[in-house]
Amino acid sequence: MPYVPAENRYEKMIYNRCGRSGLKLPAISLGLWHNFGDDTPHRTKQAIARKALDFGITHFDLANNYGPPPGSAETAFGEILRTDFSSYRDELIISTKAGYEMWAGPYGEWGGRKYVLASLDQSLKRMGLD
C-alpha cells in the first residue's frame, strides 16, 4: 500500500522564513546522521522518515559522510524518496554538506572547489536527485 502522509501534517508544525530565500523551514528538521546508515534496518529508516513527514517535518538534513559507512544515509534516503516520497518531493527541503574525507587522493577531502563540486555531484547521485 503506498504511503500517504497525514492530511493535517502542516497544522502540527511551525514554519519560519529562512532569510530572503522564500523558503519556510520547519521549527524541527530531521538529521539523518547515525540513524540512516547500513547498520539500521530499512523498515526502521522508512518509519522514521514517514513519521517525520506526518508531523510536518519537511527538511531532511544529510551529509556526504553520514552513515556508517559514509554516504549510506544519502543512499537510504534516496530509496525512501523513490518509494515513499516521490509524490511529495515538491514539499521537501533536502540539504547535504561536504567537507569530510571521502576518497583517497589529493581531491578527496575538505574544501577545495574540485572536492566540493565532486562531493555534491556524488551526493545528488546517491539520493537520485541528479
C-alpha atoms as a PDB file:
ATOM      1  CA  MET A   1       0.000   0.000   0.000  1.00  0.00           C
ATOM      2  CA  PRO A   2       1.514   3.367  -0.978  1.00  0.00           C
ATOM      3  CA  TYR A   3       2.465   5.790   1.774  1.00  0.00           C
ATOM      4  CA  VAL A   4       0.163   8.784   2.206  1.00  0.00           C
ATOM      5  CA  PRO A   5       1.271  11.393   4.768  1.00  0.00           C
ATOM      6  CA  ALA A   6      -1.104  12.723   7.406  1.00  0.00           C
ATOM      7  CA  GLU A   7      -3.530  15.243   5.920  1.00  0.00           C
ATOM      8  CA  ASN A   8      -3.063  17.611   8.851  1.00  0.00           C
ATOM      9  CA  ARG A   9       0.751  17.486   8.801  1.00  0.00           C
ATOM     10  CA  TYR A  10       1.142  21.225   8.240  1.00  0.00           C
ATOM     11  CA  GLU A  11      -1.112  22.078  11.173  1.00  0.00           C
ATOM     12  CA  LYS A  12       1.270  20.298  13.547  1.00  0.00           C
ATOM     13  CA  MET A  13       4.413  22.292  12.752  1.00  0.00           C
ATOM     14  CA  ILE A  14       5.625  25.883  12.974  1.00  0.00           C
ATOM     15  CA  TYR A  15       7.408  27.112   9.842  1.00  0.00           C
ATOM     16  CA  ASN A  16       9.862  30.007   9.820  1.00  0.00           C
ATOM     17  CA  ARG A  17      11.001  32.056   6.873  1.00  0.00           C
ATOM     18  CA  CYS A  18      14.656  31.427   6.023  1.00  0.00           C
ATOM     19  CA  GLY A  19      16.331  34.747   5.235  1.00  0.00           C
ATOM     20  CA  ARG A  20      15.344  36.218   1.884  1.00  0.00           C
ATOM     21  CA  SER A  21      15.203  32.857   0.134  1.00  0.00           C
ATOM     22  CA  GLY A  22      11.444  32.468   0.370  1.00  0.00           C
ATOM     23  CA  LEU A  23      11.891  29.048   1.963  1.00  0.00           C
ATOM     24  CA  LYS A  24       9.931  28.224   5.055  1.00  0.00           C
ATOM     25  CA  LEU A  25      11.787  25.770   7.235  1.00  0.00           C
ATOM     26  CA  PRO A  26      10.062  23.716   9.899  1.00  0.00           C
ATOM     27  CA  ALA A  27      10.955  24.511  13.508  1.00  0.00           C
ATOM     28  CA  ILE A  28      12.336  20.956  13.681  1.00  0.00           C
ATOM     29  CA  SER A  29      14.383  19.250  10.977  1.00  0.00           C
ATOM     30  CA  LEU A  30      15.326  15.588  10.780  1.00  0.00           C
ATOM     31  CA  GLY A  31      19.063  14.925  10.716  1.00  0.00           C
ATOM     32  CA  LEU A  32      19.948  11.533   9.283  1.00  0.00           C
ATOM     33  CA  TRP A  33      23.453  11.045  10.657  1.00  0.00           C
ATOM     34  CA  HIS A  34      23.612   7.860  12.728  1.00  0.00           C
ATOM     35  CA  ASN A  35      20.068   6.629  12.202  1.00  0.00           C
ATOM     36  CA  PHE A  36      20.196   6.102   8.435  1.00  0.00           C
ATOM     37  CA  GLY A  37      23.371   4.055   7.964  1.00  0.00           C
ATOM     38  CA  ASP A  38      23.651   0.467   6.795  1.00  0.00           C
ATOM     39  CA  ASP A  39      23.537  -0.673  10.430  1.00  0.00           C
ATOM     40  CA  THR A  40      19.860   0.366  10.714  1.00  0.00           C
ATOM     41  CA  PRO A  41      17.163  -1.802   9.072  1.00  0.00           C
ATOM     42  CA  HIS A  42      15.447  -0.201   6.073  1.00  0.00           C
ATOM     43  CA  ARG A  43      11.995  -0.502   7.664  1.00  0.00           C
ATOM     44  CA  THR A  44      13.223   1.499  10.667  1.00  0.00           C
ATOM     45  CA  LYS A  45      14.618   4.256   8.429  1.00  0.00           C
ATOM     46  CA  GLN A  46      11.399   4.277   6.433  1.00  0.00           C
ATOM     47  CA  ALA A  47       9.284   4.523   9.608  1.00  0.00           C
ATOM     48  CA  ILE A  48      11.395   7.428  10.927  1.00  0.00           C
ATOM     49  CA  ALA A  49      11.121   9.389   7.671  1.00  0.00           C
ATOM     50  CA  ARG A  50       7.394   8.734   7.313  1.00  0.00           C
ATOM     51  CA  LYS A  51       6.640   9.750  10.906  1.00  0.00           C
ATOM     52  CA  ALA A  52       8.683  12.934  10.438  1.00  0.00           C
ATOM     53  CA  LEU A  53       6.649  13.948   7.388  1.00  0.00           C
ATOM     54  CA  ASP A  54       3.429  13.018   9.192  1.00  0.00           C
ATOM     55  CA  PHE A  55       4.388  15.605  11.827  1.00  0.00           C
ATOM     56  CA  GLY A  56       5.168  18.289   9.238  1.00  0.00           C
ATOM     57  CA  ILE A  57       8.944  17.904   9.213  1.00  0.00           C
ATOM     58  CA  THR A  58       9.796  18.821   5.638  1.00  0.00           C
ATOM     59  CA  HIS A  59      13.549  19.446   5.999  1.00  0.00           C
ATOM     60  CA  PHE A  60      15.814  16.408   5.881  1.00  0.00           C
ATOM     61  CA  ASP A  61      19.472  17.085   6.689  1.00  0.00           C
ATOM     62  CA  LEU A  62      22.205  14.829   5.329  1.00  0.00           C
ATOM     63  CA  ALA A  63      25.938  14.957   4.602  1.00  0.00           C
ATOM     64  CA  ASN A  64      28.292  13.112   2.317  1.00  0.00           C
ATOM     65  CA  ASN A  65      29.797  11.230   5.271  1.00  0.00           C
ATOM     66  CA  TYR A  66      26.609  10.271   7.133  1.00  0.00           C
ATOM     67  CA  GLY A  67      26.245   6.568   7.677  1.00  0.00           C
ATOM     68  CA  PRO A  68      28.004   4.296   8.532  1.00  0.00           C
ATOM     69  CA  PRO A  69      29.572   3.750   6.063  1.00  0.00           C
ATOM     70  CA  PRO A  70      29.995   7.271   4.666  1.00  0.00           C
ATOM     71  CA  GLY A  71      27.380   8.058   2.028  1.00  0.00           C
ATOM     72  CA  SER A  72      24.957   5.325   3.062  1.00  0.00           C
ATOM     73  CA  ALA A  73      22.463   7.723   4.678  1.00  0.00           C
ATOM     74  CA  GLU A  74      22.093   9.576   1.368  1.00  0.00           C
ATOM     75  CA  THR A  75      21.617   6.278  -0.464  1.00  0.00           C
ATOM     76  CA  ALA A  76      18.984   5.115   2.044  1.00  0.00           C
ATOM     77  CA  PHE A  77      17.126   8.427   1.940  1.00  0.00           C
ATOM     78  CA  GLY A  78      17.243   8.334  -1.867  1.00  0.00           C
ATOM     79  CA  GLU A  79      15.470   4.982  -1.767  1.00  0.00           C
ATOM     80  CA  ILE A  80      12.780   6.417   0.528  1.00  0.00           C
ATOM     81  CA  LEU A  81      12.419   9.394  -1.813  1.00  0.00           C
ATOM     82  CA  ARG A  82      11.778   6.996  -4.702  1.00  0.00           C
ATOM     83  CA  THR A  83       9.453   4.585  -2.906  1.00  0.00           C
ATOM     84  CA  ASP A  84       7.544   6.793  -0.461  1.00  0.00           C
ATOM     85  CA  PHE A  85       8.082  10.499  -1.058  1.00  0.00           C
ATOM     86  CA  SER A  86       8.206  10.864  -4.852  1.00  0.00           C
ATOM     87  CA  SER A  87       4.705  12.354  -4.988  1.00  0.00           C
ATOM     88  CA  TYR A  88       5.649  14.837  -2.264  1.00  0.00           C
ATOM     89  CA  ARG A  89       9.103  15.899  -3.492  1.00  0.00           C
ATOM     90  CA  ASP A  90       7.958  19.490  -4.080  1.00  0.00           C
ATOM     91  CA  GLU A  91       7.065  19.730  -0.364  1.00  0.00           C
ATOM     92  CA  LEU A  92      10.524  18.680   0.859  1.00  0.00           C
ATOM     93  CA  ILE A  93      13.745  20.554   1.508  1.00  0.00           C
ATOM     94  CA  ILE A  94      16.763  18.275   1.345  1.00  0.00           C
ATOM     95  CA  SER A  95      20.152  19.555   2.423  1.00  0.00           C
ATOM     96  CA  THR A  96      23.560  17.950   2.358  1.00  0.00           C
ATOM     97  CA  LYS A  97      27.066  19.018   3.213  1.00  0.00           C
ATOM     98  CA  ALA A  98      30.603  18.377   2.047  1.00  0.00           C
ATOM     99  CA  GLY A  99      33.964  18.663   3.728  1.00  0.00           C
ATOM    100  CA  TYR A 100      34.741  15.268   5.154  1.00  0.00           C
ATOM    101  CA  GLU A 101      37.334  12.921   3.666  1.00  0.00           C
ATOM    102  CA  MET A 102      35.516  10.629   1.256  1.00  0.00           C
ATOM    103  CA  TRP A 103      38.040   9.108  -1.146  1.00  0.00           C
ATOM    104  CA  ALA A 104      41.788   8.656  -1.491  1.00  0.00           C
ATOM    105  CA  GLY A 105      43.931  11.161  -3.330  1.00  0.00           C
ATOM    106  CA  PRO A 106      44.545  14.891  -3.311  1.00  0.00           C
ATOM    107  CA  TYR A 107      40.946  15.872  -4.104  1.00  0.00           C
ATOM    108  CA  GLY A 108      39.110  13.600  -1.676  1.00  0.00           C
ATOM    109  CA  GLU A 109      38.851  15.852   1.322  1.00  0.00           C
ATOM    110  CA  TRP A 110      37.978  19.222   2.757  1.00  0.00           C
ATOM    111  CA  GLY A 111      37.185  22.435   0.987  1.00  0.00           C
ATOM    112  CA  GLY A 112      38.767  22.796  -2.437  1.00  0.00           C
ATOM    113  CA  ARG A 113      36.429  23.747  -5.276  1.00  0.00           C
ATOM    114  CA  LYS A 114      37.021  20.477  -7.131  1.00  0.00           C
ATOM    115  CA  TYR A 115      36.316  18.478  -3.975  1.00  0.00           C
ATOM    116  CA  VAL A 116      33.120  20.357  -3.128  1.00  0.00           C
ATOM    117  CA  LEU A 117      31.687  20.041  -6.651  1.00  0.00           C
ATOM    118  CA  ALA A 118      32.600  16.347  -6.931  1.00  0.00           C
ATOM    119  CA  SER A 119      31.233  15.645  -3.468  1.00  0.00           C
ATOM    120  CA  LEU A 120      27.928  17.383  -4.174  1.00  0.00           C
ATOM    121  CA  ASP A 121      27.592  15.590  -7.528  1.00  0.00           C
ATOM    122  CA  GLN A 122      28.086  12.263  -5.741  1.00  0.00           C
ATOM    123  CA  SER A 123      25.553  13.228  -3.051  1.00  0.00           C
ATOM    124  CA  LEU A 124      22.927  14.103  -5.658  1.00  0.00           C
ATOM    125  CA  LYS A 125      23.560  10.795  -7.413  1.00  0.00           C
ATOM    126  CA  ARG A 126      23.266   8.773  -4.185  1.00  0.00           C
ATOM    127  CA  MET A 127      19.917  10.426  -3.442  1.00  0.00           C
ATOM    128  CA  GLY A 128      18.665  10.094  -7.014  1.00  0.00           C
ATOM    129  CA  LEU A 129      18.395  13.855  -7.395  1.00  0.00           C
ATOM    130  CA  ASP A 130      20.931  14.324 -10.197  1.00  0.00           C
END
